[in-house]
Amino acid sequence: MFKLFSGGAAGDTAWPLRDVVAALKRRFSDVDVLGEDGPLKVYGVQDNGVNFVVALMQTGPGSEQVSELGFLARFVGFPVTAQAVEQLNQNLHISVASLENNDLFLMAGLQVAGAFDETQFNLIIEQWRRDLVLCIHRLQGDSASMADAFPAAKLDAARKFATNMAPPAPIEGEARSDIDMLSTFLGAARASRVMCDDCGGRGKRGLIARACEVCDGEGFVDGRR
């Protein structure tokens, strides 16, 4: 299932295997080695009742230098349609979902860049967990509320403070409001920016989630271009 890995020659950078594994074990309390296959070393992770695999592709068998990261979760017995998977893929950040023999596979593969930094690694983990949340929510359908699953959203004061009201509809005969929430939020310097059509605003492209070259990974481009 790890066809997301390029399997080609290693790039200019790699992360020490021991540092990646140590960071993984600091992030999750339940991490087990599942096995090795040549340069590929696979770990099983349990995160709040959800099982997934973290696969570390080394530059060569026994090199102890990681050139690519992979994630895999398999969901069995959930009623899911091809249309639901297609809709899910439109919202995933670093992953891709695939329906095979009624099982749903969520997969991600990324090439490492730069020197190893645990903060950067944890950001990748959080991006994967975000995709897991979206996947599980899609699988459970209307029975699951993402807002109810977020602790802060349960607080009445938090829900009220976080409220952003849409501008009132213009009354017939009156001028339309000039309030533009997006432009205001982005600030004057970025008010003319629009969502990048090439990556759909994700900032990433492809199965290994490379930064979009059109928007430099920002998800927005200058609307005047």
N, C-alpha and C. Protein backbone atom coordinates (compact mmCIF):
# COMPACT_ATOMS: atom_id res chain seq x y z
N MET A 1 0.81 -1.21 0.00
CA MET A 1 0.00 0.00 0.00
C MET A 1 0.85 1.27 0.00
N PHE A 2 2.17 1.14 0.15
CA PHE A 2 2.98 2.33 0.24
C PHE A 2 3.54 2.75 -1.12
N LYS A 3 2.66 2.74 -2.11
CA LYS A 3 3.05 3.21 -3.43
C LYS A 3 3.24 4.72 -3.45
N LEU A 4 2.84 5.41 -2.37
CA LEU A 4 3.03 6.84 -2.31
C LEU A 4 4.50 7.19 -2.24
N PHE A 5 5.32 6.26 -1.75
CA PHE A 5 6.75 6.51 -1.69
C PHE A 5 7.32 6.51 -3.11
N SER A 6 8.27 7.42 -3.33
CA SER A 6 8.83 7.51 -4.68
C SER A 6 9.69 6.31 -5.00
N GLY A 7 10.41 5.80 -4.00
CA GLY A 7 11.27 4.64 -4.23
C GLY A 7 12.51 4.96 -5.04
N GLY A 8 12.70 6.25 -5.35
CA GLY A 8 13.85 6.63 -6.14
C GLY A 8 15.04 6.96 -5.27
N ALA A 9 16.01 7.63 -5.88
CA ALA A 9 17.21 8.01 -5.14
C ALA A 9 16.87 9.03 -4.07
N ALA A 10 17.60 8.98 -2.97
CA ALA A 10 17.34 9.90 -1.88
C ALA A 10 17.71 11.31 -2.27
N GLY A 11 17.04 12.29 -1.66
CA GLY A 11 17.34 13.67 -1.94
C GLY A 11 18.59 14.12 -1.19
N ASP A 12 18.77 15.44 -1.10
CA ASP A 12 19.97 15.98 -0.47
C ASP A 12 19.88 15.93 1.06
N THR A 13 18.68 15.77 1.61
CA THR A 13 18.52 15.79 3.05
C THR A 13 17.85 14.52 3.54
N ALA A 14 18.12 14.18 4.79
CA ALA A 14 17.48 13.04 5.43
C ALA A 14 17.47 13.30 6.93
N TRP A 15 16.53 12.67 7.62
CA TRP A 15 16.40 12.83 9.06
C TRP A 15 16.92 11.59 9.77
N PRO A 16 17.64 11.76 10.89
CA PRO A 16 18.11 10.60 11.65
C PRO A 16 16.93 9.77 12.14
N LEU A 17 16.97 8.49 11.87
CA LEU A 17 15.86 7.59 12.26
C LEU A 17 15.61 7.66 13.76
N ARG A 18 16.66 7.66 14.55
CA ARG A 18 16.48 7.66 16.01
C ARG A 18 15.75 8.91 16.48
N ASP A 19 16.01 10.06 15.84
CA ASP A 19 15.35 11.30 16.25
C ASP A 19 13.87 11.28 15.88
N VAL A 20 13.57 10.74 14.70
CA VAL A 20 12.17 10.66 14.27
C VAL A 20 11.38 9.74 15.19
N VAL A 21 11.96 8.57 15.50
CA VAL A 21 11.28 7.60 16.36
C VAL A 21 11.11 8.15 17.77
N ALA A 22 12.13 8.82 18.29
CA ALA A 22 12.04 9.41 19.63
C ALA A 22 10.93 10.45 19.69
N ALA A 23 10.83 11.28 18.65
CA ALA A 23 9.78 12.30 18.60
C ALA A 23 8.40 11.66 18.51
N LEU A 24 8.33 10.58 17.74
CA LEU A 24 7.06 9.86 17.58
C LEU A 24 6.61 9.28 18.92
N LYS A 25 7.55 8.74 19.69
CA LYS A 25 7.21 8.14 20.98
C LYS A 25 6.90 9.21 22.03
N ARG A 26 7.47 10.40 21.87
CA ARG A 26 7.11 11.48 22.78
C ARG A 26 5.71 12.00 22.48
N ARG A 27 5.32 11.92 21.20
CA ARG A 27 3.99 12.42 20.80
C ARG A 27 2.89 11.42 21.14
N PHE A 28 3.18 10.12 21.02
CA PHE A 28 2.18 9.09 21.28
C PHE A 28 2.72 8.09 22.30
N SER A 29 1.86 7.67 23.20
CA SER A 29 2.29 6.75 24.26
C SER A 29 2.32 5.31 23.79
N ASP A 30 1.60 4.99 22.71
CA ASP A 30 1.50 3.60 22.25
C ASP A 30 2.07 3.49 20.84
N VAL A 31 3.37 3.18 20.75
CA VAL A 31 4.07 3.04 19.47
C VAL A 31 4.81 1.71 19.45
N ASP A 32 4.57 0.88 18.43
CA ASP A 32 5.21 -0.43 18.34
C ASP A 32 5.82 -0.63 16.96
N VAL A 33 6.97 -1.30 16.92
CA VAL A 33 7.57 -1.66 15.63
C VAL A 33 6.79 -2.83 15.03
N LEU A 34 6.32 -2.68 13.80
CA LEU A 34 5.55 -3.74 13.14
C LEU A 34 6.42 -4.59 12.23
N GLY A 35 7.51 -4.02 11.72
CA GLY A 35 8.38 -4.80 10.86
C GLY A 35 9.20 -3.94 9.92
N GLU A 36 10.04 -4.61 9.14
CA GLU A 36 10.90 -3.94 8.17
C GLU A 36 10.82 -4.65 6.83
N ASP A 37 11.01 -3.90 5.76
CA ASP A 37 11.06 -4.46 4.42
C ASP A 37 12.10 -3.66 3.64
N GLY A 38 13.34 -4.15 3.63
CA GLY A 38 14.42 -3.40 3.00
C GLY A 38 14.64 -2.09 3.74
N PRO A 39 14.59 -0.97 3.03
CA PRO A 39 14.80 0.32 3.69
C PRO A 39 13.58 0.82 4.46
N LEU A 40 12.43 0.14 4.32
CA LEU A 40 11.18 0.58 4.93
C LEU A 40 11.02 0.01 6.34
N LYS A 41 10.81 0.91 7.31
CA LYS A 41 10.56 0.49 8.68
C LYS A 41 9.19 1.02 9.09
N VAL A 42 8.35 0.12 9.65
CA VAL A 42 6.95 0.45 9.88
C VAL A 42 6.62 0.39 11.37
N TYR A 43 5.91 1.40 11.83
CA TYR A 43 5.51 1.50 13.24
C TYR A 43 3.98 1.57 13.33
N GLY A 44 3.43 0.90 14.33
CA GLY A 44 2.01 0.97 14.59
C GLY A 44 1.75 1.95 15.72
N VAL A 45 0.77 2.83 15.53
CA VAL A 45 0.45 3.86 16.52
C VAL A 45 -1.04 3.77 16.87
N GLN A 46 -1.35 3.86 18.16
CA GLN A 46 -2.74 3.96 18.58
C GLN A 46 -2.93 5.33 19.21
N ASP A 47 -3.89 6.08 18.69
CA ASP A 47 -4.13 7.44 19.14
C ASP A 47 -5.61 7.59 19.52
N ASN A 48 -5.90 7.56 20.80
CA ASN A 48 -7.28 7.71 21.28
C ASN A 48 -8.25 6.76 20.58
N GLY A 49 -7.86 5.50 20.50
CA GLY A 49 -8.74 4.48 19.95
C GLY A 49 -8.67 4.32 18.45
N VAL A 50 -7.85 5.11 17.76
CA VAL A 50 -7.69 5.01 16.31
C VAL A 50 -6.31 4.46 16.00
N ASN A 51 -6.25 3.41 15.19
CA ASN A 51 -4.98 2.79 14.82
C ASN A 51 -4.51 3.28 13.45
N PHE A 52 -3.23 3.58 13.36
CA PHE A 52 -2.65 3.92 12.06
C PHE A 52 -1.18 3.54 12.04
N VAL A 53 -0.61 3.55 10.87
CA VAL A 53 0.79 3.17 10.66
C VAL A 53 1.60 4.39 10.25
N VAL A 54 2.79 4.47 10.83
CA VAL A 54 3.77 5.46 10.38
C VAL A 54 4.92 4.69 9.76
N ALA A 55 5.19 4.93 8.50
CA ALA A 55 6.23 4.20 7.77
C ALA A 55 7.39 5.15 7.47
N LEU A 56 8.59 4.71 7.79
CA LEU A 56 9.77 5.52 7.57
C LEU A 56 10.64 4.87 6.50
N MET A 57 10.80 5.56 5.38
CA MET A 57 11.63 5.07 4.29
C MET A 57 13.03 5.61 4.45
N GLN A 58 14.00 4.71 4.65
CA GLN A 58 15.39 5.10 4.80
C GLN A 58 16.04 5.27 3.43
N THR A 59 17.16 5.94 3.42
CA THR A 59 17.88 6.14 2.16
C THR A 59 18.43 4.83 1.62
N GLY A 60 18.56 3.85 2.49
CA GLY A 60 19.00 2.51 2.10
C GLY A 60 18.81 1.58 3.28
N PRO A 61 18.78 0.26 3.05
CA PRO A 61 18.60 -0.67 4.16
C PRO A 61 19.64 -0.46 5.26
N GLY A 62 19.17 -0.21 6.47
CA GLY A 62 20.06 -0.02 7.60
C GLY A 62 20.80 1.29 7.65
N SER A 63 20.43 2.26 6.81
CA SER A 63 21.16 3.53 6.78
C SER A 63 20.86 4.40 7.99
N GLU A 64 19.71 4.15 8.65
CA GLU A 64 19.29 4.95 9.81
C GLU A 64 19.06 6.41 9.44
N GLN A 65 18.84 6.69 8.15
CA GLN A 65 18.56 8.04 7.68
C GLN A 65 17.24 8.02 6.90
N VAL A 66 16.26 8.78 7.36
CA VAL A 66 14.91 8.76 6.78
C VAL A 66 14.77 9.81 5.69
N SER A 67 14.35 9.38 4.51
CA SER A 67 14.17 10.31 3.39
C SER A 67 12.69 10.59 3.11
N GLU A 68 11.79 9.68 3.53
CA GLU A 68 10.36 9.88 3.30
C GLU A 68 9.56 9.35 4.48
N LEU A 69 8.41 10.00 4.71
CA LEU A 69 7.48 9.57 5.75
C LEU A 69 6.19 9.09 5.10
N GLY A 70 5.57 8.08 5.69
CA GLY A 70 4.29 7.59 5.17
C GLY A 70 3.31 7.35 6.31
N PHE A 71 2.03 7.54 6.04
CA PHE A 71 0.97 7.29 7.02
C PHE A 71 -0.11 6.45 6.36
N LEU A 72 -0.69 5.54 7.13
CA LEU A 72 -1.74 4.66 6.60
C LEU A 72 -2.75 4.32 7.68
N ALA A 73 -4.02 4.49 7.37
CA ALA A 73 -5.10 4.04 8.24
C ALA A 73 -6.13 3.32 7.38
N ARG A 74 -6.65 2.22 7.89
CA ARG A 74 -7.64 1.43 7.15
C ARG A 74 -8.92 1.36 7.97
N PHE A 75 -10.06 1.62 7.31
CA PHE A 75 -11.35 1.62 7.98
C PHE A 75 -12.23 0.54 7.34
N VAL A 76 -12.67 -0.40 8.17
CA VAL A 76 -13.41 -1.57 7.68
C VAL A 76 -14.81 -1.60 8.28
N GLY A 77 -15.80 -1.92 7.43
CA GLY A 77 -17.17 -2.10 7.92
C GLY A 77 -18.00 -0.84 7.98
N PHE A 78 -17.47 0.27 7.48
CA PHE A 78 -18.23 1.52 7.47
C PHE A 78 -18.97 1.66 6.14
N PRO A 79 -20.24 2.08 6.17
CA PRO A 79 -20.95 2.32 4.91
C PRO A 79 -20.43 3.58 4.24
N VAL A 80 -19.71 3.44 3.16
CA VAL A 80 -19.13 4.60 2.48
C VAL A 80 -19.25 4.41 0.97
N THR A 81 -19.55 5.47 0.27
CA THR A 81 -19.73 5.43 -1.17
C THR A 81 -18.55 6.08 -1.87
N ALA A 82 -18.44 5.79 -3.16
CA ALA A 82 -17.37 6.39 -3.95
C ALA A 82 -17.54 7.92 -3.99
N GLN A 83 -18.78 8.37 -4.01
CA GLN A 83 -19.03 9.81 -4.01
C GLN A 83 -18.55 10.45 -2.71
N ALA A 84 -18.77 9.77 -1.58
CA ALA A 84 -18.31 10.29 -0.29
C ALA A 84 -16.80 10.37 -0.25
N VAL A 85 -16.12 9.38 -0.82
CA VAL A 85 -14.66 9.38 -0.86
C VAL A 85 -14.15 10.53 -1.73
N GLU A 86 -14.84 10.76 -2.85
CA GLU A 86 -14.46 11.86 -3.73
C GLU A 86 -14.59 13.20 -3.02
N GLN A 87 -15.69 13.36 -2.27
CA GLN A 87 -15.89 14.60 -1.52
C GLN A 87 -14.84 14.74 -0.42
N LEU A 88 -14.49 13.62 0.21
CA LEU A 88 -13.48 13.65 1.26
C LEU A 88 -12.13 14.10 0.70
N ASN A 89 -11.76 13.57 -0.46
CA ASN A 89 -10.47 13.91 -1.07
C ASN A 89 -10.35 15.40 -1.40
N GLN A 90 -11.47 16.06 -1.59
CA GLN A 90 -11.45 17.49 -1.90
C GLN A 90 -11.06 18.32 -0.68
N ASN A 91 -11.16 17.73 0.52
CA ASN A 91 -10.90 18.48 1.75
C ASN A 91 -9.65 18.02 2.50
N LEU A 92 -9.05 16.92 2.08
CA LEU A 92 -7.86 16.42 2.76
C LEU A 92 -6.66 17.32 2.48
N HIS A 93 -5.77 17.42 3.46
CA HIS A 93 -4.64 18.34 3.33
C HIS A 93 -3.39 17.64 2.79
N ILE A 94 -2.97 16.56 3.44
CA ILE A 94 -1.75 15.88 2.99
C ILE A 94 -2.03 14.44 2.55
N SER A 95 -3.27 14.02 2.64
CA SER A 95 -3.60 12.61 2.43
C SER A 95 -4.44 12.40 1.19
N VAL A 96 -4.61 11.13 0.85
CA VAL A 96 -5.53 10.72 -0.20
C VAL A 96 -6.31 9.52 0.31
N ALA A 97 -7.62 9.50 0.05
CA ALA A 97 -8.49 8.40 0.46
C ALA A 97 -8.80 7.51 -0.74
N SER A 98 -8.83 6.21 -0.51
CA SER A 98 -9.09 5.26 -1.59
C SER A 98 -10.01 4.16 -1.08
N LEU A 99 -11.04 3.84 -1.86
CA LEU A 99 -11.99 2.79 -1.50
C LEU A 99 -11.61 1.53 -2.26
N GLU A 100 -11.25 0.46 -1.52
CA GLU A 100 -10.83 -0.79 -2.12
C GLU A 100 -11.54 -1.95 -1.44
N ASN A 101 -12.37 -2.67 -2.21
CA ASN A 101 -13.13 -3.80 -1.67
C ASN A 101 -13.94 -3.41 -0.43
N ASN A 102 -14.56 -2.24 -0.51
CA ASN A 102 -15.41 -1.69 0.56
C ASN A 102 -14.63 -1.26 1.80
N ASP A 103 -13.32 -1.33 1.76
CA ASP A 103 -12.49 -0.81 2.85
C ASP A 103 -11.96 0.56 2.43
N LEU A 104 -11.94 1.49 3.37
CA LEU A 104 -11.42 2.82 3.07
C LEU A 104 -10.00 2.94 3.59
N PHE A 105 -9.09 3.29 2.69
CA PHE A 105 -7.69 3.50 3.06
C PHE A 105 -7.39 5.00 3.01
N LEU A 106 -6.82 5.51 4.08
CA LEU A 106 -6.36 6.89 4.13
C LEU A 106 -4.84 6.84 4.15
N MET A 107 -4.19 7.50 3.18
CA MET A 107 -2.75 7.38 3.01
C MET A 107 -2.12 8.75 2.77
N ALA A 108 -0.88 8.89 3.22
CA ALA A 108 -0.13 10.11 2.96
C ALA A 108 1.34 9.75 2.85
N GLY A 109 2.05 10.45 2.00
CA GLY A 109 3.48 10.26 1.84
C GLY A 109 4.16 11.59 1.60
N LEU A 110 5.23 11.85 2.33
CA LEU A 110 5.92 13.12 2.21
C LEU A 110 7.43 12.92 2.21
N GLN A 111 8.13 13.68 1.41
CA GLN A 111 9.58 13.68 1.43
C GLN A 111 10.06 14.66 2.49
N VAL A 112 11.09 14.30 3.22
CA VAL A 112 11.60 15.19 4.24
C VAL A 112 12.38 16.32 3.59
N ALA A 113 12.49 17.44 4.32
CA ALA A 113 13.22 18.60 3.80
C ALA A 113 13.93 19.29 4.94
N GLY A 114 15.14 19.68 4.72
CA GLY A 114 15.90 20.39 5.73
C GLY A 114 16.35 19.48 6.86
N ALA A 115 17.00 20.09 7.86
CA ALA A 115 17.44 19.33 9.02
C ALA A 115 16.23 18.95 9.87
N PHE A 116 16.36 17.85 10.61
CA PHE A 116 15.23 17.40 11.43
C PHE A 116 14.93 18.43 12.52
N ASP A 117 13.65 18.74 12.65
CA ASP A 117 13.18 19.65 13.68
C ASP A 117 11.90 19.05 14.26
N GLU A 118 11.89 18.80 15.56
CA GLU A 118 10.75 18.12 16.16
C GLU A 118 9.46 18.92 16.03
N THR A 119 9.57 20.23 16.08
CA THR A 119 8.38 21.07 15.91
C THR A 119 7.78 20.88 14.53
N GLN A 120 8.64 20.85 13.51
CA GLN A 120 8.18 20.63 12.15
C GLN A 120 7.55 19.25 12.01
N PHE A 121 8.18 18.25 12.62
CA PHE A 121 7.65 16.89 12.57
C PHE A 121 6.27 16.82 13.22
N ASN A 122 6.10 17.49 14.36
CA ASN A 122 4.80 17.49 15.03
C ASN A 122 3.73 18.21 14.22
N LEU A 123 4.14 19.21 13.46
CA LEU A 123 3.18 19.88 12.57
C LEU A 123 2.67 18.92 11.50
N ILE A 124 3.58 18.08 10.99
CA ILE A 124 3.17 17.06 10.01
C ILE A 124 2.20 16.08 10.66
N ILE A 125 2.51 15.67 11.90
CA ILE A 125 1.62 14.76 12.62
C ILE A 125 0.23 15.38 12.77
N GLU A 126 0.18 16.67 13.10
CA GLU A 126 -1.11 17.33 13.29
C GLU A 126 -1.88 17.44 11.98
N GLN A 127 -1.16 17.63 10.86
CA GLN A 127 -1.83 17.65 9.56
C GLN A 127 -2.44 16.28 9.25
N TRP A 128 -1.72 15.21 9.59
CA TRP A 128 -2.24 13.86 9.40
C TRP A 128 -3.47 13.63 10.28
N ARG A 129 -3.39 14.07 11.54
CA ARG A 129 -4.51 13.89 12.47
C ARG A 129 -5.72 14.70 12.00
N ARG A 130 -5.48 15.87 11.40
CA ARG A 130 -6.59 16.66 10.86
C ARG A 130 -7.31 15.88 9.77
N ASP A 131 -6.52 15.24 8.90
CA ASP A 131 -7.12 14.44 7.84
C ASP A 131 -7.87 13.24 8.41
N LEU A 132 -7.33 12.66 9.49
CA LEU A 132 -8.02 11.55 10.16
C LEU A 132 -9.38 12.01 10.69
N VAL A 133 -9.41 13.19 11.30
CA VAL A 133 -10.67 13.73 11.83
C VAL A 133 -11.70 13.89 10.71
N LEU A 134 -11.27 14.46 9.59
CA LEU A 134 -12.18 14.64 8.46
C LEU A 134 -12.68 13.30 7.94
N CYS A 135 -11.78 12.32 7.88
CA CYS A 135 -12.14 10.99 7.38
C CYS A 135 -13.15 10.32 8.31
N ILE A 136 -12.89 10.35 9.62
CA ILE A 136 -13.79 9.72 10.58
C ILE A 136 -15.15 10.41 10.58
N HIS A 137 -15.13 11.72 10.48
CA HIS A 137 -16.39 12.46 10.44
C HIS A 137 -17.20 12.07 9.22
N ARG A 138 -16.53 11.91 8.09
CA ARG A 138 -17.23 11.50 6.86
C ARG A 138 -17.79 10.10 7.00
N LEU A 139 -17.04 9.22 7.63
CA LEU A 139 -17.48 7.84 7.80
C LEU A 139 -18.69 7.74 8.72
N GLN A 140 -18.73 8.57 9.75
CA GLN A 140 -19.84 8.51 10.70
C GLN A 140 -21.03 9.34 10.28
N GLY A 141 -20.84 10.17 9.27
CA GLY A 141 -21.96 10.91 8.71
C GLY A 141 -22.62 11.84 9.70
N ASP A 142 -23.94 11.94 9.63
CA ASP A 142 -24.69 12.90 10.43
C ASP A 142 -24.67 12.57 11.92
N SER A 143 -24.23 11.35 12.28
CA SER A 143 -24.24 10.97 13.69
C SER A 143 -23.12 11.63 14.48
N ALA A 144 -22.13 12.19 13.76
CA ALA A 144 -20.99 12.80 14.43
C ALA A 144 -20.98 14.31 14.22
N SER A 145 -20.83 15.06 15.27
CA SER A 145 -20.74 16.51 15.19
C SER A 145 -19.31 16.93 15.49
N MET A 146 -18.65 17.55 14.52
CA MET A 146 -17.27 17.99 14.73
C MET A 146 -17.23 19.09 15.78
N ALA A 147 -18.24 19.94 15.83
CA ALA A 147 -18.27 21.00 16.83
C ALA A 147 -18.37 20.42 18.24
N ASP A 148 -19.20 19.39 18.40
CA ASP A 148 -19.36 18.78 19.72
C ASP A 148 -18.10 18.05 20.15
N ALA A 149 -17.29 17.61 19.18
CA ALA A 149 -16.06 16.89 19.50
C ALA A 149 -14.95 17.84 19.93
N PHE A 150 -15.13 19.14 19.69
CA PHE A 150 -14.12 20.12 20.06
C PHE A 150 -14.49 20.72 21.41
N PRO A 151 -13.69 20.50 22.46
CA PRO A 151 -14.07 20.90 23.82
C PRO A 151 -14.50 22.36 23.94
N ALA A 152 -13.76 23.28 23.30
CA ALA A 152 -14.07 24.70 23.45
C ALA A 152 -15.44 25.04 22.88
N ALA A 153 -15.86 24.27 21.86
CA ALA A 153 -17.15 24.56 21.23
C ALA A 153 -18.33 24.22 22.14
N LYS A 154 -18.06 23.48 23.21
CA LYS A 154 -19.13 23.13 24.14
C LYS A 154 -19.43 24.26 25.13
N LEU A 155 -18.51 25.21 25.24
CA LEU A 155 -18.70 26.33 26.16
C LEU A 155 -19.54 27.41 25.51
N ASP A 156 -20.64 27.77 26.18
CA ASP A 156 -21.56 28.75 25.62
C ASP A 156 -20.86 30.08 25.37
N ALA A 157 -20.00 30.50 26.31
CA ALA A 157 -19.30 31.77 26.15
C ALA A 157 -18.37 31.74 24.93
N ALA A 158 -17.72 30.57 24.71
CA ALA A 158 -16.82 30.44 23.56
C ALA A 158 -17.59 30.48 22.25
N ARG A 159 -18.74 29.80 22.20
CA ARG A 159 -19.55 29.80 20.98
C ARG A 159 -20.03 31.20 20.64
N LYS A 160 -20.41 31.96 21.69
CA LYS A 160 -20.91 33.31 21.46
C LYS A 160 -19.80 34.23 20.99
N PHE A 161 -18.62 34.15 21.65
CA PHE A 161 -17.53 35.04 21.28
C PHE A 161 -17.02 34.74 19.88
N ALA A 162 -17.02 33.45 19.48
CA ALA A 162 -16.48 33.04 18.18
C ALA A 162 -17.44 33.31 17.03
N THR A 163 -18.61 33.88 17.32
CA THR A 163 -19.63 34.11 16.29
C THR A 163 -19.23 35.26 15.37
N ASN A 164 -19.33 35.03 14.08
CA ASN A 164 -19.10 36.05 13.05
C ASN A 164 -20.35 36.12 12.19
N MET A 165 -21.06 37.23 12.28
CA MET A 165 -22.34 37.37 11.59
C MET A 165 -22.13 37.83 10.14
N ALA A 166 -22.91 37.27 9.24
CA ALA A 166 -22.88 37.71 7.85
C ALA A 166 -23.48 39.11 7.76
N PRO A 167 -22.96 39.95 6.85
CA PRO A 167 -23.54 41.30 6.69
C PRO A 167 -25.01 41.19 6.34
N PRO A 168 -25.83 42.10 6.86
CA PRO A 168 -27.27 42.04 6.55
C PRO A 168 -27.53 42.23 5.07
N ALA A 169 -28.56 41.57 4.58
CA ALA A 169 -28.93 41.72 3.17
C ALA A 169 -29.37 43.16 2.93
N PRO A 170 -28.97 43.74 1.79
CA PRO A 170 -29.33 45.15 1.52
C PRO A 170 -30.83 45.33 1.38
N ILE A 171 -31.33 46.40 1.94
CA ILE A 171 -32.75 46.75 1.80
C ILE A 171 -32.95 47.35 0.42
N GLU A 172 -34.04 47.00 -0.19
CA GLU A 172 -34.32 47.48 -1.54
C GLU A 172 -34.24 49.00 -1.58
N GLY A 173 -33.47 49.50 -2.52
CA GLY A 173 -33.34 50.93 -2.68
C GLY A 173 -32.14 51.51 -1.95
N GLU A 174 -31.51 50.73 -1.05
CA GLU A 174 -30.34 51.21 -0.32
C GLU A 174 -29.07 50.64 -0.92
N ALA A 175 -27.96 51.33 -0.70
CA ALA A 175 -26.67 50.87 -1.23
C ALA A 175 -26.22 49.61 -0.49
N ARG A 176 -25.55 48.74 -1.19
CA ARG A 176 -25.05 47.50 -0.61
C ARG A 176 -23.88 47.79 0.33
N SER A 177 -23.77 47.03 1.43
CA SER A 177 -22.70 47.23 2.39
C SER A 177 -21.35 46.97 1.74
N ASP A 178 -20.35 47.80 2.11
CA ASP A 178 -19.00 47.63 1.56
C ASP A 178 -18.16 46.68 2.41
N ILE A 179 -18.76 46.10 3.47
CA ILE A 179 -18.00 45.22 4.35
C ILE A 179 -17.59 43.96 3.60
N ASP A 180 -16.31 43.66 3.60
CA ASP A 180 -15.77 42.46 2.97
C ASP A 180 -14.95 41.73 4.04
N MET A 181 -15.53 40.69 4.63
CA MET A 181 -14.89 40.02 5.76
C MET A 181 -13.52 39.47 5.39
N LEU A 182 -13.40 38.84 4.21
CA LEU A 182 -12.12 38.24 3.82
C LEU A 182 -11.05 39.30 3.66
N SER A 183 -11.37 40.39 2.97
CA SER A 183 -10.39 41.46 2.76
C SER A 183 -9.96 42.08 4.08
N THR A 184 -10.93 42.27 4.97
CA THR A 184 -10.62 42.84 6.28
C THR A 184 -9.72 41.91 7.07
N PHE A 185 -10.02 40.61 7.03
CA PHE A 185 -9.24 39.63 7.78
C PHE A 185 -7.82 39.53 7.25
N LEU A 186 -7.67 39.55 5.92
CA LEU A 186 -6.34 39.43 5.31
C LEU A 186 -5.53 40.70 5.48
N GLY A 187 -6.20 41.84 5.66
CA GLY A 187 -5.50 43.10 5.80
C GLY A 187 -5.33 43.78 4.47
N ALA A 188 -5.05 45.07 4.49
CA ALA A 188 -4.97 45.86 3.27
C ALA A 188 -3.94 45.33 2.29
N ALA A 189 -2.81 44.84 2.83
CA ALA A 189 -1.73 44.38 1.95
C ALA A 189 -2.10 43.14 1.18
N ARG A 190 -3.09 42.35 1.70
CA ARG A 190 -3.43 41.10 1.04
C ARG A 190 -4.88 41.07 0.56
N ALA A 191 -5.54 42.24 0.63
CA ALA A 191 -6.96 42.29 0.29
C ALA A 191 -7.26 41.89 -1.15
N SER A 192 -6.27 42.07 -2.03
CA SER A 192 -6.49 41.75 -3.44
C SER A 192 -6.17 40.30 -3.77
N ARG A 193 -5.82 39.50 -2.75
CA ARG A 193 -5.45 38.11 -3.00
C ARG A 193 -6.67 37.23 -3.13
N VAL A 194 -6.56 36.23 -4.00
CA VAL A 194 -7.65 35.29 -4.23
C VAL A 194 -7.12 33.87 -4.09
N MET A 195 -8.05 32.93 -3.90
CA MET A 195 -7.65 31.53 -3.74
C MET A 195 -6.97 31.01 -5.00
N CYS A 196 -5.91 30.25 -4.81
CA CYS A 196 -5.15 29.68 -5.92
C CYS A 196 -5.97 28.57 -6.59
N ASP A 197 -6.19 28.71 -7.89
CA ASP A 197 -6.98 27.71 -8.63
C ASP A 197 -6.21 26.42 -8.82
N ASP A 198 -4.88 26.50 -8.89
CA ASP A 198 -4.08 25.31 -9.18
C ASP A 198 -4.13 24.29 -8.05
N CYS A 199 -4.16 24.75 -6.79
CA CYS A 199 -4.19 23.82 -5.66
C CYS A 199 -5.48 23.89 -4.88
N GLY A 200 -6.43 24.72 -5.33
CA GLY A 200 -7.71 24.84 -4.65
C GLY A 200 -7.59 25.45 -3.26
N GLY A 201 -6.54 26.23 -3.03
CA GLY A 201 -6.36 26.90 -1.74
C GLY A 201 -5.65 26.05 -0.70
N ARG A 202 -5.28 24.79 -1.05
CA ARG A 202 -4.62 23.91 -0.07
C ARG A 202 -3.15 24.24 0.13
N GLY A 203 -2.52 24.85 -0.89
CA GLY A 203 -1.10 25.14 -0.80
C GLY A 203 -0.23 23.94 -1.11
N LYS A 204 -0.87 22.78 -1.32
CA LYS A 204 -0.15 21.54 -1.59
C LYS A 204 -0.72 20.90 -2.85
N ARG A 205 0.15 20.13 -3.53
CA ARG A 205 -0.29 19.43 -4.74
C ARG A 205 0.34 18.05 -4.76
N GLY A 206 -0.39 17.08 -5.33
CA GLY A 206 0.15 15.74 -5.52
C GLY A 206 0.01 14.87 -4.30
N LEU A 207 0.27 13.58 -4.48
CA LEU A 207 0.11 12.60 -3.42
C LEU A 207 1.15 12.75 -2.32
N ILE A 208 2.31 13.32 -2.63
CA ILE A 208 3.31 13.52 -1.59
C ILE A 208 3.27 14.96 -1.08
N ALA A 209 2.20 15.66 -1.42
CA ALA A 209 1.92 16.98 -0.85
C ALA A 209 3.08 17.96 -1.01
N ARG A 210 3.56 18.13 -2.24
CA ARG A 210 4.58 19.14 -2.48
C ARG A 210 3.92 20.53 -2.45
N ALA A 211 4.70 21.54 -2.06
CA ALA A 211 4.18 22.90 -2.04
C ALA A 211 3.81 23.32 -3.46
N CYS A 212 2.66 23.94 -3.60
CA CYS A 212 2.19 24.42 -4.91
C CYS A 212 3.16 25.48 -5.42
N GLU A 213 3.64 25.31 -6.65
CA GLU A 213 4.61 26.25 -7.21
C GLU A 213 3.96 27.57 -7.60
N VAL A 214 2.66 27.54 -7.88
CA VAL A 214 1.97 28.75 -8.33
C VAL A 214 1.83 29.75 -7.18
N CYS A 215 1.45 29.24 -5.98
CA CYS A 215 1.21 30.13 -4.85
C CYS A 215 2.29 30.01 -3.76
N ASP A 216 3.35 29.25 -4.04
CA ASP A 216 4.44 29.03 -3.07
C ASP A 216 3.93 28.45 -1.76
N GLY A 217 2.87 27.64 -1.84
CA GLY A 217 2.38 26.96 -0.66
C GLY A 217 1.45 27.78 0.21
N GLU A 218 1.11 29.00 -0.21
CA GLU A 218 0.27 29.86 0.61
C GLU A 218 -1.22 29.60 0.40
N GLY A 219 -1.59 29.08 -0.75
CA GLY A 219 -3.01 28.85 -1.04
C GLY A 219 -3.71 30.04 -1.67
N PHE A 220 -3.01 31.21 -1.71
CA PHE A 220 -3.57 32.41 -2.29
C PHE A 220 -2.59 33.03 -3.27
N VAL A 221 -3.13 33.72 -4.26
CA VAL A 221 -2.31 34.41 -5.24
C VAL A 221 -2.84 35.83 -5.40
N ASP A 222 -2.03 36.67 -6.02
CA ASP A 222 -2.43 38.05 -6.26
C ASP A 222 -3.53 38.07 -7.31
N GLY A 223 -4.69 38.57 -6.95
CA GLY A 223 -5.83 38.57 -7.86
C GLY A 223 -5.68 39.51 -9.03
N ARG A 224 -4.67 40.35 -8.98
CA ARG A 224 -4.47 41.32 -10.08
C ARG A 224 -3.60 40.78 -11.18
N ARG A 225 -3.03 39.56 -10.95
CA ARG A 225 -2.15 38.97 -11.97
C ARG A 225 -2.97 38.45 -13.13
